[in-house]
Amino acid sequence: MPAMLPTILIIAFLSLPLAAQDPVPLPQDEIPAMFLSKTPPEGLPKVIPHPTGTPPTPARAQLGRRLFFDPILSIDRKVSCASCHDPRFGFSRPEALPRGVNGKTAARNAPTLLNRAFGKFNSWDGRAATLEKQVLLPIENPLEMDLPLETALSRLKNEPSYATEFAQAFDKGLNRTNLARALSLFIRTLTLGNSPVDRFRSGEVTAMTPSERAGFWIYESKGRCWRCHSGPNFTDESFHNTGVGALDKTPQEGRQAITYNLHDRGRFKTPTLRGLTFTAPYMHDGSLTTLEQVVAFYRRGGTPNTHVDPVLKPLDLDDNDAANLVAFLKSLSATPPAKKDPTQGR
């Protein structure tokens, strides 16, 4: 990892207030400390990847954070990226379908942005192969921010402070490419790891409770969770049809809308299992509100439909197994308790 990254994180996360023009209350420009690791935490790759030719710098990190929390990028100046990806909810939202501009509702649940630096595809149907492509989509989406990119760029150019910050951050200043680079750089710094599972894997045998360890065994064996939720971010970054949203055995379009391949009918991207205690509700439509419901869904083999994934079968789990599996899933969100200062209490 570049030596400059700790400085980037300190500046990007700790120094920037909300834009002064904010006309409505928005999430506080604060990020929980557990998402502020100066380097990728235990369990994740040791280096945050960045596109070739776009190295992170303090000016770019600061600019990306400011843009993320600023509603200037929405047509009514009331919705920011943080409105749907709120730090208080693991950079997601607690509604099934988040609200966009003018009371509109997004088509799908807002997925977490944590660890997206390590992702392969973005959006539930994988329409964006890079974060740089993904971050611009909500701005123009009529259900989300509904602002043409050219209008967004004009607004930013008319704000002297933005014109200055872009000029300081990028050789070519403010343009579409650098707007995408700034936003995606900020998202690449959002990480979650160092859970009891990660510490258990690294040899700290007491990091997990007996119930969490039992759930871990189920995840790796008869639960078959690892088939789709694999790798350091507990997702294969691929697409599967589990029947979520299917009606009368007819699946939603899903990945097929992008590939035009009938084989991809009803397939949606596998979400990470990290951060689940922050990011309810679950699934691409936000239809399941608890982890207990999620486990029950997979115990019965999902929802039958014409294109259900062949790896999906009913699970032979009893109620105790299900409870342990939920405990394991929750443990992927936990971080170590703060160490007690030995000088206190004397």
Protein backbone atom coordinates (compact mmCIF):
# COMPACT_ATOMS: atom_id res chain seq x y z
CA MET A 1 0.00 0.00 0.00
CA PRO A 2 1.29 3.49 -0.78
CA ALA A 3 2.85 5.16 2.23
CA MET A 4 0.57 8.18 1.76
CA LEU A 5 -2.64 6.25 2.50
CA PRO A 6 -2.76 6.80 6.29
CA THR A 7 -2.60 10.55 5.63
CA ILE A 8 -5.37 10.21 3.05
CA LEU A 9 -7.67 8.48 5.48
CA ILE A 10 -7.05 10.94 8.29
CA ILE A 11 -7.77 13.91 6.07
CA ALA A 12 -10.68 12.35 4.19
CA PHE A 13 -12.53 11.01 7.18
CA LEU A 14 -11.90 13.51 9.91
CA SER A 15 -11.66 16.99 8.48
CA LEU A 16 -14.60 17.76 6.21
CA PRO A 17 -17.94 19.31 7.23
CA LEU A 18 -21.22 19.07 5.31
CA ALA A 19 -21.64 21.48 2.41
CA ALA A 20 -22.91 24.82 3.68
CA GLN A 21 -25.78 24.96 1.18
CA ASP A 22 -27.44 21.77 2.50
CA PRO A 23 -31.17 22.72 2.60
CA VAL A 24 -32.46 19.71 4.55
CA PRO A 25 -31.15 17.52 7.36
CA LEU A 26 -28.82 14.82 6.06
CA PRO A 27 -26.84 12.09 7.83
CA GLN A 28 -24.07 13.59 9.91
CA ASP A 29 -20.75 13.71 8.16
CA GLU A 30 -19.38 11.20 10.61
CA ILE A 31 -18.18 7.66 10.02
CA PRO A 32 -18.09 5.00 12.76
CA ALA A 33 -14.54 4.31 13.91
CA MET A 34 -14.80 0.63 12.90
CA PHE A 35 -14.87 1.73 9.24
CA LEU A 36 -11.81 3.96 9.62
CA SER A 37 -8.92 1.52 9.58
CA LYS A 38 -5.79 3.21 8.22
CA THR A 39 -4.92 0.01 6.39
CA PRO A 40 -7.21 -2.88 5.35
CA PRO A 41 -8.15 -4.67 8.57
CA GLU A 42 -7.60 -8.33 9.44
CA GLY A 43 -9.27 -10.68 6.97
CA LEU A 44 -9.07 -8.42 3.91
CA PRO A 45 -6.39 -8.11 1.22
CA LYS A 46 -3.47 -6.05 2.47
CA VAL A 47 -3.59 -3.48 -0.33
CA ILE A 48 -6.54 -1.36 -1.46
CA PRO A 49 -6.56 -1.53 -5.27
CA HIS A 50 -6.76 1.67 -7.30
CA PRO A 51 -7.06 2.10 -11.07
CA THR A 52 -3.82 2.54 -12.97
CA GLY A 53 -2.99 6.20 -13.34
CA THR A 54 -5.22 7.33 -10.48
CA PRO A 55 -3.12 7.13 -7.32
CA PRO A 56 -4.77 8.29 -4.09
CA THR A 57 -3.78 11.70 -2.76
CA PRO A 58 -5.02 13.71 0.23
CA ALA A 59 -6.67 16.30 -2.06
CA ARG A 60 -8.57 13.62 -3.99
CA ALA A 61 -9.71 11.86 -0.82
CA GLN A 62 -10.95 15.10 0.71
CA LEU A 63 -12.80 16.03 -2.47
CA GLY A 64 -14.44 12.62 -2.78
CA ARG A 65 -15.72 12.74 0.75
CA ARG A 66 -17.17 16.22 0.29
CA LEU A 67 -18.98 15.19 -2.89
CA PHE A 68 -20.38 12.07 -1.22
CA PHE A 69 -22.16 14.09 1.47
CA ASP A 70 -23.21 17.05 -0.72
CA PRO A 71 -26.78 17.15 -2.16
CA ILE A 72 -25.60 19.43 -4.95
CA LEU A 73 -25.50 16.34 -7.18
CA SER A 74 -29.30 15.83 -7.08
CA ILE A 75 -31.84 17.76 -9.10
CA ASP A 76 -33.67 19.16 -6.04
CA ARG A 77 -30.45 19.58 -3.99
CA LYS A 78 -31.94 17.42 -1.24
CA VAL A 79 -30.41 13.97 -1.88
CA SER A 80 -26.74 13.09 -1.57
CA CYS A 81 -24.91 9.79 -2.00
CA ALA A 82 -25.03 9.51 1.79
CA SER A 83 -28.83 9.72 1.75
CA CYS A 84 -29.02 6.16 0.42
CA HIS A 85 -25.63 5.01 1.70
CA ASP A 86 -25.71 6.28 5.26
CA PRO A 87 -22.63 5.59 7.43
CA ARG A 88 -24.93 4.89 10.40
CA PHE A 89 -26.32 1.86 8.57
CA GLY A 90 -23.11 0.42 7.16
CA PHE A 91 -23.38 2.72 4.14
CA SER A 92 -26.81 1.33 3.26
CA ARG A 93 -30.36 2.32 4.27
CA PRO A 94 -32.88 0.72 6.69
CA GLU A 95 -35.75 0.96 4.16
CA ALA A 96 -36.47 -1.83 1.69
CA LEU A 97 -36.29 0.68 -1.15
CA PRO A 98 -34.64 4.03 -0.34
CA ARG A 99 -36.20 7.35 -1.24
CA GLY A 100 -34.79 9.41 -4.08
CA VAL A 101 -35.60 12.93 -5.25
CA ASN A 102 -39.14 14.31 -5.24
CA GLY A 103 -40.48 11.42 -3.17
CA LYS A 104 -39.53 8.78 -5.74
CA THR A 105 -38.45 5.31 -4.67
CA ALA A 106 -35.37 3.50 -5.92
CA ALA A 107 -35.91 0.27 -7.84
CA ARG A 108 -33.75 -1.82 -5.50
CA ASN A 109 -32.39 -1.98 -2.00
CA ALA A 110 -29.30 0.14 -1.30
CA PRO A 111 -26.36 -2.27 -0.84
CA THR A 112 -23.51 -1.52 1.51
CA LEU A 113 -20.47 0.29 0.12
CA LEU A 114 -18.11 -1.35 2.61
CA ASN A 115 -15.23 -3.26 0.98
CA ARG A 116 -16.38 -2.35 -2.53
CA ALA A 117 -12.74 -1.64 -3.36
CA PHE A 118 -12.32 -5.41 -3.55
CA GLY A 119 -15.40 -6.03 -5.70
CA LYS A 120 -15.62 -7.25 -9.27
CA PHE A 121 -19.03 -5.93 -10.31
CA ASN A 122 -21.29 -3.19 -8.98
CA SER A 123 -25.08 -2.82 -8.83
CA TRP A 124 -27.35 -5.77 -8.15
CA ASP A 125 -27.38 -6.72 -11.83
CA GLY A 126 -23.68 -6.00 -12.34
CA ARG A 127 -24.21 -3.23 -14.86
CA ALA A 128 -21.06 -1.40 -13.72
CA ALA A 129 -17.79 -3.28 -13.92
CA THR A 130 -15.88 -0.58 -12.03
CA LEU A 131 -16.59 1.80 -9.18
CA GLU A 132 -15.71 4.67 -11.48
CA LYS A 133 -18.66 3.72 -13.70
CA GLN A 134 -20.97 2.92 -10.80
CA VAL A 135 -20.68 6.20 -8.89
CA LEU A 136 -22.10 8.22 -11.78
CA LEU A 137 -25.18 6.04 -12.35
CA PRO A 138 -27.24 7.23 -9.33
CA ILE A 139 -26.69 10.87 -10.27
CA GLU A 140 -28.55 10.49 -13.56
CA ASN A 141 -30.99 7.79 -12.42
CA PRO A 142 -34.48 9.39 -12.49
CA LEU A 143 -35.52 7.47 -9.37
CA GLU A 144 -32.48 8.48 -7.35
CA MET A 145 -30.79 11.85 -7.99
CA ASP A 146 -32.19 12.60 -11.46
CA LEU A 147 -29.53 15.10 -12.51
CA PRO A 148 -27.91 15.01 -15.98
CA LEU A 149 -24.14 14.75 -15.67
CA GLU A 150 -23.58 17.90 -17.69
CA THR A 151 -25.84 19.81 -15.31
CA ALA A 152 -23.99 18.34 -12.34
CA LEU A 153 -20.65 19.45 -13.79
CA SER A 154 -22.02 22.94 -14.46
CA ARG A 155 -23.21 23.24 -10.87
CA LEU A 156 -19.83 22.23 -9.55
CA LYS A 157 -18.04 24.64 -11.88
CA ASN A 158 -20.23 27.45 -10.58
CA GLU A 159 -19.08 26.71 -7.03
CA PRO A 160 -15.65 28.38 -6.76
CA SER A 161 -14.51 26.09 -3.96
CA TYR A 162 -15.20 22.98 -6.04
CA ALA A 163 -13.43 24.42 -9.07
CA THR A 164 -10.41 25.08 -6.87
CA GLU A 165 -10.44 21.66 -5.22
CA PHE A 166 -10.70 19.81 -8.55
CA ALA A 167 -7.83 21.90 -9.95
CA GLN A 168 -5.71 21.01 -6.92
CA ALA A 169 -6.62 17.31 -7.06
CA PHE A 170 -6.41 16.58 -10.79
CA ASP A 171 -4.25 17.88 -13.65
CA LYS A 172 -7.29 18.36 -15.89
CA GLY A 173 -9.48 19.77 -13.14
CA LEU A 174 -13.24 19.30 -13.14
CA ASN A 175 -14.64 16.89 -15.69
CA ARG A 176 -16.77 13.75 -15.79
CA THR A 177 -13.81 11.40 -15.41
CA ASN A 178 -12.41 13.19 -12.38
CA LEU A 179 -15.82 13.44 -10.70
CA ALA A 180 -16.02 9.65 -10.94
CA ARG A 181 -12.44 9.27 -9.72
CA ALA A 182 -12.98 11.42 -6.64
CA LEU A 183 -16.17 9.66 -5.56
CA SER A 184 -14.80 6.18 -6.19
CA LEU A 185 -11.58 6.96 -4.31
CA PHE A 186 -13.60 7.82 -1.22
CA ILE A 187 -15.60 4.58 -1.48
CA ARG A 188 -12.41 2.54 -1.87
CA THR A 189 -11.32 3.66 1.59
CA LEU A 190 -14.42 2.24 3.34
CA THR A 191 -13.55 -1.12 4.86
CA LEU A 192 -14.85 -3.62 7.40
CA GLY A 193 -12.92 -6.58 8.76
CA ASN A 194 -11.16 -7.72 11.93
CA SER A 195 -14.25 -9.64 13.03
CA PRO A 196 -14.18 -12.56 15.49
CA VAL A 197 -14.17 -14.85 12.44
CA ASP A 198 -11.05 -13.18 11.05
CA ARG A 199 -9.26 -13.33 14.37
CA PHE A 200 -10.29 -16.97 14.86
CA ARG A 201 -8.88 -17.81 11.45
CA SER A 202 -5.61 -16.10 12.35
CA GLY A 203 -5.23 -18.28 15.44
CA GLU A 204 -7.12 -16.48 18.22
CA VAL A 205 -9.19 -19.50 19.20
CA THR A 206 -11.17 -17.66 21.88
CA ALA A 207 -12.32 -14.91 19.50
CA MET A 208 -15.56 -16.75 18.66
CA THR A 209 -18.22 -18.01 21.05
CA PRO A 210 -19.25 -21.69 20.95
CA SER A 211 -22.44 -20.72 19.09
CA GLU A 212 -20.53 -18.66 16.53
CA ARG A 213 -18.06 -21.50 15.99
CA ALA A 214 -20.93 -23.94 15.49
CA GLY A 215 -22.44 -21.57 12.97
CA PHE A 216 -19.08 -21.27 11.22
CA TRP A 217 -18.99 -25.05 10.86
CA ILE A 218 -22.52 -24.99 9.38
CA TYR A 219 -21.48 -22.25 6.96
CA GLU A 220 -18.60 -24.44 5.76
CA SER A 221 -20.48 -27.76 5.70
CA LYS A 222 -24.17 -28.62 5.48
CA GLY A 223 -25.23 -24.99 5.18
CA ARG A 224 -23.28 -24.76 1.91
CA CYS A 225 -23.11 -20.96 2.31
CA TRP A 226 -19.51 -20.92 1.07
CA ARG A 227 -20.66 -21.89 -2.43
CA CYS A 228 -21.74 -18.30 -3.07
CA HIS A 229 -20.35 -16.40 -0.07
CA SER A 230 -16.66 -17.14 -0.46
CA GLY A 231 -13.39 -15.23 -0.37
CA PRO A 232 -12.20 -12.53 2.04
CA ASN A 233 -15.37 -10.46 1.57
CA PHE A 234 -17.66 -13.50 1.82
CA THR A 235 -19.03 -13.12 -1.69
CA ASP A 236 -18.09 -14.78 -4.95
CA GLU A 237 -18.92 -11.49 -6.74
CA SER A 238 -21.03 -13.55 -9.12
CA PHE A 239 -24.76 -13.81 -9.85
CA HIS A 240 -27.33 -16.34 -8.67
CA ASN A 241 -31.07 -16.88 -8.92
CA THR A 242 -32.42 -17.72 -5.47
CA GLY A 243 -36.00 -16.82 -6.35
CA VAL A 244 -36.11 -13.54 -4.46
CA GLY A 245 -38.91 -11.52 -6.03
CA ALA A 246 -40.18 -14.38 -8.19
CA LEU A 247 -43.97 -14.55 -8.64
CA ASP A 248 -45.82 -17.66 -9.81
CA LYS A 249 -42.46 -19.27 -10.60
CA THR A 250 -41.56 -16.33 -12.86
CA PRO A 251 -38.29 -14.64 -11.82
CA GLN A 252 -37.49 -10.99 -12.21
CA GLU A 253 -35.20 -10.04 -15.08
CA GLY A 254 -32.05 -9.45 -13.02
CA ARG A 255 -28.72 -9.97 -14.76
CA GLN A 256 -30.47 -10.78 -18.04
CA ALA A 257 -31.22 -7.08 -18.51
CA ILE A 258 -27.47 -6.52 -18.91
CA THR A 259 -26.30 -9.65 -20.75
CA TYR A 260 -29.48 -10.39 -22.76
CA ASN A 261 -28.80 -14.03 -21.95
CA LEU A 262 -31.84 -16.05 -20.89
CA HIS A 263 -29.54 -18.11 -18.66
CA ASP A 264 -29.12 -15.01 -16.47
CA ARG A 265 -32.85 -14.58 -15.85
CA GLY A 266 -33.45 -13.81 -12.17
CA ARG A 267 -29.77 -13.69 -11.25
CA PHE A 268 -28.58 -10.99 -8.88
CA LYS A 269 -25.14 -10.28 -7.43
CA THR A 270 -24.13 -12.12 -4.29
CA PRO A 271 -23.91 -9.57 -1.45
CA THR A 272 -21.17 -9.63 1.15
CA LEU A 273 -21.91 -11.24 4.52
CA ARG A 274 -19.85 -8.60 6.28
CA GLY A 275 -21.69 -5.83 8.11
CA LEU A 276 -25.08 -7.59 8.17
CA THR A 277 -25.98 -6.29 11.61
CA PHE A 278 -25.90 -2.76 10.18
CA THR A 279 -27.46 -3.26 6.78
CA ALA A 280 -30.97 -4.72 7.22
CA PRO A 281 -33.25 -5.26 5.36
CA TYR A 282 -31.76 -7.88 3.10
CA MET A 283 -31.94 -9.10 -0.51
CA HIS A 284 -32.05 -6.92 -3.63
CA ASP A 285 -35.65 -5.96 -2.89
CA GLY A 286 -35.24 -5.52 0.87
CA SER A 287 -37.96 -8.13 1.40
CA LEU A 288 -36.38 -9.88 4.41
CA THR A 289 -36.00 -7.80 7.54
CA THR A 290 -34.03 -10.11 9.86
CA LEU A 291 -31.19 -12.59 9.57
CA GLU A 292 -33.52 -15.21 11.01
CA GLN A 293 -35.78 -14.69 7.99
CA VAL A 294 -32.80 -14.94 5.66
CA VAL A 295 -31.72 -18.28 7.14
CA ALA A 296 -35.33 -19.55 7.01
CA PHE A 297 -35.47 -18.58 3.32
CA TYR A 298 -32.46 -20.72 2.53
CA ARG A 299 -33.57 -23.57 4.80
CA ARG A 300 -36.57 -24.04 2.52
CA GLY A 301 -34.43 -23.77 -0.62
CA GLY A 302 -35.33 -20.26 -1.70
CA THR A 303 -38.32 -19.60 -3.96
CA PRO A 304 -38.88 -22.11 -6.78
CA ASN A 305 -38.90 -20.55 -10.24
CA THR A 306 -38.11 -21.37 -13.83
CA HIS A 307 -34.43 -20.40 -13.60
CA VAL A 308 -33.49 -21.16 -9.99
CA ASP A 309 -29.78 -21.73 -9.44
CA PRO A 310 -28.95 -25.46 -9.34
CA VAL A 311 -26.76 -25.00 -6.24
CA LEU A 312 -29.84 -23.95 -4.27
CA LYS A 313 -31.37 -26.85 -2.35
CA PRO A 314 -33.35 -27.05 0.93
CA LEU A 315 -30.98 -27.20 3.90
CA ASP A 316 -31.08 -29.93 6.51
CA LEU A 317 -30.86 -27.58 9.48
CA ASP A 318 -32.75 -27.79 12.74
CA ASP A 319 -33.71 -24.73 14.78
CA ASN A 320 -30.53 -24.89 16.83
CA ASP A 321 -28.43 -25.03 13.67
CA ALA A 322 -30.30 -22.01 12.33
CA ALA A 323 -29.69 -20.04 15.54
CA ASN A 324 -25.98 -20.86 15.42
CA LEU A 325 -25.77 -19.84 11.78
CA VAL A 326 -27.35 -16.49 12.63
CA ALA A 327 -24.80 -16.06 15.43
CA PHE A 328 -22.00 -16.68 12.94
CA LEU A 329 -23.44 -14.16 10.47
CA LYS A 330 -23.68 -11.52 13.18
CA SER A 331 -20.10 -12.19 14.26
CA LEU A 332 -18.89 -11.01 10.83
CA SER A 333 -19.94 -7.49 11.83
CA ALA A 334 -18.28 -7.41 15.23
CA THR A 335 -14.96 -5.83 16.10
CA PRO A 336 -12.74 -6.32 19.16
CA PRO A 337 -13.80 -4.55 22.35
CA ALA A 338 -11.71 -1.56 23.29
CA LYS A 339 -8.74 -2.45 25.45
CA LYS A 340 -9.14 -1.26 29.02
CA ASP A 341 -6.65 1.33 30.18
CA PRO A 342 -4.83 -0.36 33.09
CA THR A 343 -4.30 3.03 34.74
CA GLN A 344 -8.02 3.71 35.04
CA GLY A 345 -9.94 2.82 38.18
CA ARG A 346 -6.93 3.10 40.46
